Amino acid sequence: MKPRANEINKIINAPPENLRFILLYGPDSGLITARAQQAVVAICPDSTDPFRISRWSEDQLLGDPPKLADDINALAMMGGRRVIRIQPAGDKLATLIEPLLTSSKSDTLVVALSGELPPRSKLRKLAEASPHAASVPCYEDNASARRSLVQTQCKQAQLNIDSDALDYLVENLGSDHGVSRQELEKLLLYMGPATGEPRTITLEHAHAVIGDTAAWRIDDIADAMLLGSMERLERNFQSALQAGAVAIRILNAVGASTRRIHALASQVEQGETPSSAIAKMRPPIPFFRKDMVAEQLRRWPRRRLDRALRLLSEAELECKSGAGADISLCRQAIWRIAAAGNQSSRRVSSSGR
């Protein structure tokens, strides 16, 4: 079956007894891993129990086809439903999964972790067609999903969060669900255990944890890129790499900065003055950055920012697909945007003379 978006969490957190197979696929490996772990723990709270949990790769099972059937029909030594986790999983696995869905009477749950699968994928079609299976797409978090994640995590930790801190986290966590959860866990650890007294995460708390040294260097990359400052861009890019930043994180952060300028440019296009748009921005722009943001806004009209965001998105997808050297792809995209910003600035200057 193909569960609706509002049904996915229920299926993952409490897999029905008649559900024998969950296929997790898509571009967000962090979300795939998180959902797989949720499903496993829902069946067996002790995720290290060797009698109720098995882990295989597709190659291991294809090399010994009866192995999966034997494992599906095995009984847990101390009783309880069993779960089998398969990673990575691909279309060749379909021939082994089909008997589980058509003839097996076992209540064992098989959870398969895959990458992106096209609609014609044999494994995906098998899972979508069976009432005993769930085909669950895992796409990168958008702003709404990040907001929901932050609010859920804070609620579970018995913490409030003010609006500025929430907006800041939504903008800065990025689209990778797994990375976002790790960053949030750092923030919750920083806030300390529940004491019974109501506590609130403020912008200062969020910035203290999420705005670490590497992140500030990445922000400097975005500033230099949008200002077309090539020498500063090279210096900040190298500093971020030395601080441990990776290509995906750089692209996420640069993308977030570019989206903020895009939001301002959209308001200006609709008749707002630049200074008014900047003053209304949430989370608020620090006073010492307002002049620089105004200059970036002057250089970048909305349509040119549309193209810049597409270029960053394409570079991020290429990095996640393993199509080449991540840092080289990241550098190429950022330098192209910086060069375009310089050209835009020259045209604006010429038109003003």
Protein backbone atom coordinates (compact mmCIF):
# COMPACT_ATOMS: atom_id res chain seq x y z
CA MET A 1 0.00 0.00 0.00
CA LYS A 2 0.93 3.63 -0.39
CA PRO A 3 0.11 5.28 2.94
CA ARG A 4 -1.00 8.90 2.99
CA ALA A 5 1.38 11.42 4.48
CA ASN A 6 -0.70 11.66 7.66
CA GLU A 7 -0.65 7.87 8.07
CA ILE A 8 3.10 7.30 7.83
CA ASN A 9 4.05 8.11 11.43
CA LYS A 10 1.32 5.83 12.79
CA ILE A 11 2.53 2.93 10.61
CA ILE A 12 6.18 3.49 11.53
CA ASN A 13 5.58 3.94 15.27
CA ALA A 14 3.06 1.09 15.62
CA PRO A 15 3.33 -1.35 12.67
CA PRO A 16 0.04 -3.32 12.39
CA GLU A 17 0.23 -7.08 12.99
CA ASN A 18 -0.79 -7.80 9.39
CA LEU A 19 2.05 -5.62 8.05
CA ARG A 20 4.98 -7.80 7.01
CA PHE A 21 7.12 -5.44 4.92
CA ILE A 22 8.06 -1.76 5.11
CA LEU A 23 10.04 -0.26 2.23
CA LEU A 24 11.79 3.02 3.05
CA TYR A 25 13.19 4.82 0.00
CA GLY A 26 14.09 8.28 -1.24
CA PRO A 27 16.88 10.88 -1.21
CA ASP A 28 16.94 11.60 2.54
CA SER A 29 19.15 8.91 4.05
CA GLY A 30 18.85 10.49 7.50
CA LEU A 31 15.05 10.22 7.49
CA ILE A 32 15.23 6.66 6.14
CA THR A 33 17.55 5.64 8.99
CA ALA A 34 15.42 7.41 11.61
CA ARG A 35 12.20 5.77 10.41
CA ALA A 36 13.83 2.34 10.22
CA GLN A 37 15.01 2.68 13.82
CA GLN A 38 11.53 3.79 14.92
CA ALA A 39 9.93 0.74 13.27
CA VAL A 40 12.48 -1.65 14.77
CA VAL A 41 12.06 -0.23 18.29
CA ALA A 42 8.28 -0.33 17.93
CA ILE A 43 8.54 -4.11 17.49
CA CYS A 44 11.43 -4.72 19.89
CA PRO A 45 12.27 -1.92 22.37
CA ASP A 46 15.71 -3.48 22.95
CA SER A 47 17.31 -2.73 19.58
CA THR A 48 20.29 -4.95 20.47
CA ASP A 49 18.27 -8.13 21.05
CA PRO A 50 19.88 -10.73 18.72
CA PHE A 51 16.97 -13.16 19.08
CA ARG A 52 14.31 -10.78 17.82
CA ILE A 53 16.30 -8.59 15.42
CA SER A 54 18.29 -9.66 12.37
CA ARG A 55 20.32 -7.47 10.04
CA TRP A 56 21.24 -8.38 6.47
CA SER A 57 22.40 -6.75 3.26
CA GLU A 58 20.80 -7.49 -0.09
CA ASP A 59 23.99 -9.18 -1.29
CA GLN A 60 24.06 -11.53 1.72
CA LEU A 61 20.50 -12.66 1.06
CA LEU A 62 20.93 -13.03 -2.70
CA GLY A 63 24.02 -15.14 -2.10
CA ASP A 64 21.95 -17.61 -0.05
CA PRO A 65 18.26 -17.24 -1.13
CA PRO A 66 16.73 -19.61 1.52
CA LYS A 67 18.31 -17.52 4.30
CA LEU A 68 15.58 -14.86 4.29
CA ALA A 69 12.72 -17.39 4.35
CA ASP A 70 14.39 -19.28 7.21
CA ASP A 71 14.85 -16.07 9.18
CA ILE A 72 11.28 -14.93 8.56
CA ASN A 73 9.91 -18.21 9.93
CA ALA A 74 12.25 -18.38 12.92
CA LEU A 75 10.81 -17.98 16.42
CA ALA A 76 12.25 -15.67 19.05
CA MET A 77 13.75 -17.64 21.95
CA MET A 78 11.86 -15.63 24.58
CA GLY A 79 8.80 -14.97 22.43
CA GLY A 80 7.62 -11.76 20.81
CA ARG A 81 7.42 -10.50 17.25
CA ARG A 82 10.65 -10.45 15.26
CA VAL A 83 11.98 -7.84 12.85
CA ILE A 84 14.48 -8.15 10.00
CA ARG A 85 16.34 -5.08 8.76
CA ILE A 86 17.82 -5.15 5.24
CA GLN A 87 20.27 -2.46 4.15
CA PRO A 88 20.95 -1.66 1.40
CA ALA A 89 17.96 -3.04 -0.49
CA GLY A 90 17.31 -2.95 -4.23
CA ASP A 91 15.08 -4.39 -6.92
CA LYS A 92 16.80 -7.79 -6.91
CA LEU A 93 15.31 -8.32 -3.47
CA ALA A 94 11.76 -8.37 -4.91
CA THR A 95 11.85 -12.09 -5.74
CA LEU A 96 12.70 -12.92 -2.11
CA ILE A 97 10.11 -10.55 -0.61
CA GLU A 98 7.18 -11.65 -2.78
CA PRO A 99 6.60 -15.01 -0.94
CA LEU A 100 6.50 -13.11 2.35
CA LEU A 101 3.58 -11.05 1.05
CA THR A 102 1.66 -13.78 -0.79
CA SER A 103 2.05 -17.01 1.17
CA SER A 104 3.86 -16.56 4.48
CA LYS A 105 1.87 -16.80 7.73
CA SER A 106 4.71 -15.35 9.80
CA ASP A 107 4.21 -12.08 11.68
CA THR A 108 7.89 -11.14 11.27
CA LEU A 109 8.30 -7.58 10.01
CA VAL A 110 10.90 -6.95 7.30
CA VAL A 111 12.19 -3.35 7.07
CA ALA A 112 14.13 -2.55 3.91
CA LEU A 113 16.25 0.61 3.52
CA SER A 114 16.83 1.72 -0.04
CA GLY A 115 17.91 4.81 -1.95
CA GLU A 116 15.87 6.60 -4.59
CA LEU A 117 13.58 4.22 -6.49
CA PRO A 118 11.69 5.17 -9.67
CA PRO A 119 7.96 4.38 -9.97
CA ARG A 120 8.79 1.39 -12.20
CA SER A 121 11.00 -0.18 -9.50
CA LYS A 122 10.02 -3.83 -8.94
CA LEU A 123 10.48 -3.60 -5.18
CA ARG A 124 8.50 -0.38 -4.92
CA LYS A 125 5.65 -1.70 -7.11
CA LEU A 126 5.52 -4.90 -5.03
CA ALA A 127 5.24 -2.95 -1.77
CA GLU A 128 2.67 -0.51 -3.17
CA ALA A 129 0.43 -3.32 -4.46
CA SER A 130 0.30 -5.49 -1.34
CA PRO A 131 -2.05 -4.90 1.63
CA HIS A 132 0.65 -6.49 3.82
CA ALA A 133 3.32 -3.92 2.86
CA ALA A 134 3.91 -0.19 3.12
CA SER A 135 5.90 1.80 0.59
CA VAL A 136 7.17 4.89 2.42
CA PRO A 137 8.93 7.70 0.51
CA CYS A 138 11.50 9.71 2.49
CA TYR A 139 12.07 13.15 1.05
CA GLU A 140 14.19 15.96 2.39
CA ASP A 141 12.65 18.10 5.10
CA ASN A 142 11.02 21.32 3.96
CA ALA A 143 10.45 24.26 6.30
CA SER A 144 7.14 22.86 7.53
CA ALA A 145 8.69 19.47 8.35
CA ARG A 146 11.61 21.11 10.17
CA ARG A 147 9.21 23.24 12.21
CA SER A 148 7.20 20.15 13.16
CA LEU A 149 10.39 18.27 14.10
CA VAL A 150 11.62 21.09 16.35
CA GLN A 151 8.24 21.45 18.08
CA THR A 152 7.89 17.70 18.61
CA GLN A 153 11.41 17.32 20.05
CA CYS A 154 10.93 20.29 22.37
CA LYS A 155 7.58 18.97 23.59
CA GLN A 156 9.07 15.56 24.34
CA ALA A 157 11.85 17.26 26.31
CA GLN A 158 9.27 19.38 28.22
CA LEU A 159 10.71 22.59 26.81
CA ASN A 160 9.05 25.68 25.39
CA ILE A 161 10.62 27.55 22.50
CA ASP A 162 10.11 31.20 21.62
CA SER A 163 9.19 32.24 18.09
CA ASP A 164 12.57 33.77 17.18
CA ALA A 165 14.44 30.62 18.25
CA LEU A 166 11.98 28.44 16.34
CA ASP A 167 12.36 30.53 13.17
CA TYR A 168 16.14 30.46 13.52
CA LEU A 169 16.22 26.66 13.82
CA VAL A 170 13.84 26.16 10.89
CA GLU A 171 16.14 28.30 8.72
CA ASN A 172 19.46 26.84 9.88
CA LEU A 173 18.94 23.11 10.44
CA GLY A 174 19.00 22.23 6.74
CA SER A 175 17.06 19.63 4.79
CA ASP A 176 18.74 16.42 6.00
CA HIS A 177 16.48 14.91 8.67
CA GLY A 178 19.24 12.90 10.35
CA VAL A 179 21.57 15.89 10.66
CA SER A 180 18.69 18.03 11.98
CA ARG A 181 17.90 15.48 14.71
CA GLN A 182 21.57 15.37 15.76
CA GLU A 183 21.73 19.16 16.00
CA LEU A 184 18.50 19.26 18.02
CA GLU A 185 19.83 16.59 20.38
CA LYS A 186 22.86 18.82 21.01
CA LEU A 187 20.57 21.73 21.82
CA LEU A 188 18.39 19.68 24.19
CA LEU A 189 21.48 18.35 25.94
CA TYR A 190 22.73 21.93 26.29
CA MET A 191 19.42 22.92 27.95
CA GLY A 192 19.83 20.16 30.56
CA PRO A 193 17.32 17.71 32.08
CA ALA A 194 13.76 18.64 32.99
CA THR A 195 13.55 20.21 36.47
CA GLY A 196 9.80 20.67 36.82
CA GLU A 197 10.08 24.40 36.19
CA PRO A 198 8.92 25.61 32.75
CA ARG A 199 11.94 26.43 30.60
CA THR A 200 12.10 28.18 27.24
CA ILE A 201 14.66 27.88 24.44
CA THR A 202 15.56 31.39 23.32
CA LEU A 203 17.35 32.66 20.24
CA GLU A 204 20.52 32.96 22.35
CA HIS A 205 20.30 29.27 23.32
CA ALA A 206 19.71 28.17 19.72
CA HIS A 207 22.52 30.32 18.41
CA ALA A 208 24.94 29.13 21.08
CA VAL A 209 24.58 25.52 19.93
CA ILE A 210 23.62 25.60 16.25
CA GLY A 211 25.75 28.66 15.53
CA ASP A 212 29.10 27.00 16.24
CA THR A 213 32.46 28.08 14.78
CA ALA A 214 32.14 26.08 11.59
CA ALA A 215 28.61 27.39 11.06
CA TRP A 216 29.76 30.99 11.39
CA ARG A 217 32.47 30.35 8.81
CA ILE A 218 29.84 28.91 6.50
CA ASP A 219 27.73 32.05 7.03
CA ASP A 220 30.81 34.01 5.98
CA ILE A 221 30.93 31.93 2.79
CA ALA A 222 27.34 32.87 2.01
CA ASP A 223 28.03 36.56 2.67
CA ALA A 224 31.10 36.58 0.42
CA MET A 225 29.23 34.69 -2.32
CA LEU A 226 26.28 37.09 -2.34
CA LEU A 227 28.63 40.08 -2.31
CA GLY A 228 30.78 38.65 -5.11
CA SER A 229 33.93 38.97 -2.98
CA MET A 230 36.10 36.25 -4.54
CA GLU A 231 39.17 36.66 -2.33
CA ARG A 232 37.10 36.64 0.85
CA LEU A 233 35.12 33.69 -0.49
CA GLU A 234 38.25 31.60 -1.00
CA ARG A 235 39.56 32.45 2.46
CA ASN A 236 36.28 31.63 4.21
CA PHE A 237 35.76 28.46 2.20
CA GLN A 238 39.16 27.12 3.24
CA SER A 239 38.54 28.11 6.88
CA ALA A 240 35.23 26.22 6.92
CA LEU A 241 36.88 23.09 5.51
CA GLN A 242 39.62 23.28 8.13
CA ALA A 243 36.92 23.54 10.82
CA GLY A 244 35.43 20.26 9.62
CA ALA A 245 32.54 21.49 7.46
CA VAL A 246 31.48 19.11 4.67
CA ALA A 247 30.02 19.92 1.26
CA ILE A 248 26.38 19.13 2.11
CA ARG A 249 26.49 21.27 5.25
CA ILE A 250 28.04 24.17 3.35
CA LEU A 251 25.40 23.96 0.62
CA ASN A 252 22.59 23.74 3.20
CA ALA A 253 23.80 26.81 5.06
CA VAL A 254 24.53 28.83 1.93
CA GLY A 255 21.09 27.85 0.64
CA ALA A 256 19.46 29.06 3.87
CA SER A 257 21.20 32.46 3.58
CA THR A 258 20.19 32.74 -0.06
CA ARG A 259 16.57 31.91 0.77
CA ARG A 260 16.52 34.71 3.35
CA ILE A 261 17.66 37.23 0.76
CA HIS A 262 15.14 35.73 -1.68
CA ALA A 263 12.33 36.34 0.88
CA LEU A 264 13.43 39.95 1.23
CA ALA A 265 13.70 40.40 -2.54
CA SER A 266 10.17 39.05 -2.96
CA GLN A 267 8.86 41.64 -0.48
CA VAL A 268 10.71 44.44 -2.29
CA GLU A 269 9.27 43.24 -5.60
CA GLN A 270 5.80 43.57 -4.07
CA GLY A 271 6.42 47.21 -3.09
CA GLU A 272 8.11 47.01 0.31
CA THR A 273 11.15 49.23 0.80
CA PRO A 274 14.43 47.37 1.43
CA SER A 275 14.86 48.90 4.89
CA SER A 276 11.29 48.05 5.89
CA ALA A 277 11.63 44.45 4.64
CA ILE A 278 14.89 44.03 6.56
CA ALA A 279 13.35 45.47 9.75
CA LYS A 280 10.43 43.02 9.59
CA MET A 281 12.58 39.91 8.94
CA ARG A 282 12.16 37.02 11.40
CA PRO A 283 14.32 35.85 13.02
CA PRO A 284 15.55 39.45 13.26
CA ILE A 285 18.69 40.48 11.41
CA PRO A 286 21.37 41.73 13.87
CA PHE A 287 21.96 45.47 13.55
CA PHE A 288 25.62 44.98 12.58
CA ARG A 289 24.57 42.90 9.54
CA LYS A 290 21.82 45.14 8.19
CA ASP A 291 24.05 47.23 5.89
CA MET A 292 25.60 44.10 4.38
CA VAL A 293 22.20 42.49 3.87
CA ALA A 294 20.97 45.67 2.20
CA GLU A 295 23.94 45.51 -0.20
CA GLN A 296 23.20 41.84 -0.99
CA LEU A 297 19.58 42.77 -1.64
CA ARG A 298 20.68 45.55 -3.97
CA ARG A 299 22.80 43.12 -5.99
CA TRP A 300 20.27 40.29 -6.18
CA PRO A 301 16.75 40.73 -7.61
CA ARG A 302 14.37 37.85 -7.00
CA ARG A 303 14.64 36.25 -10.45
CA ARG A 304 18.41 35.98 -10.22
CA LEU A 305 18.04 34.46 -6.76
CA ASP A 306 15.67 31.87 -8.25
CA ARG A 307 18.49 30.72 -10.52
CA ALA A 308 21.02 30.75 -7.68
CA LEU A 309 18.79 28.55 -5.53
CA ARG A 310 18.28 26.10 -8.40
CA LEU A 311 22.04 25.86 -8.85
CA LEU A 312 22.60 25.18 -5.13
CA SER A 313 19.82 22.57 -5.11
CA GLU A 314 21.29 20.78 -8.13
CA ALA A 315 24.74 20.74 -6.53
CA GLU A 316 23.30 19.30 -3.30
CA LEU A 317 21.51 16.53 -5.23
CA GLU A 318 24.72 15.68 -7.11
CA CYS A 319 26.67 15.49 -3.86
CA LYS A 320 24.09 13.16 -2.30
CA SER A 321 24.04 10.93 -5.37
CA GLY A 322 27.80 10.37 -5.15
CA ALA A 323 28.20 11.59 -8.73
CA GLY A 324 31.60 13.15 -8.12
CA ALA A 325 33.92 14.95 -5.69
CA ASP A 326 31.56 16.67 -3.24
CA ILE A 327 33.81 19.61 -2.39
CA SER A 328 34.52 20.30 -6.07
CA LEU A 329 30.80 20.31 -6.90
CA CYS A 330 30.09 22.57 -3.93
CA ARG A 331 32.89 24.98 -4.85
CA GLN A 332 31.85 25.16 -8.51
CA ALA A 333 28.24 26.07 -7.66
CA ILE A 334 29.19 28.74 -5.12
CA TRP A 335 31.82 30.35 -7.34
CA ARG A 336 29.38 30.50 -10.28
CA ILE A 337 26.85 32.31 -8.11
CA ALA A 338 29.50 34.73 -6.80
CA ALA A 339 30.56 35.53 -10.37
CA ALA A 340 26.92 36.12 -11.33
CA GLY A 341 26.57 38.48 -8.38
CA ASN A 342 29.52 40.51 -9.62
CA GLN A 343 27.97 40.81 -13.07
CA SER A 344 24.67 41.89 -11.55
CA SER A 345 26.42 44.53 -9.44
CA ARG A 346 28.19 45.98 -12.49
CA ARG A 347 24.88 46.23 -14.36
CA VAL A 348 23.22 47.96 -11.38
CA SER A 349 26.12 50.42 -11.09
CA SER A 350 26.05 51.17 -14.83
CA SER A 351 22.31 51.80 -14.81
CA GLY A 352 22.71 54.20 -11.88
CA ARG A 353 25.25 56.43 -13.64
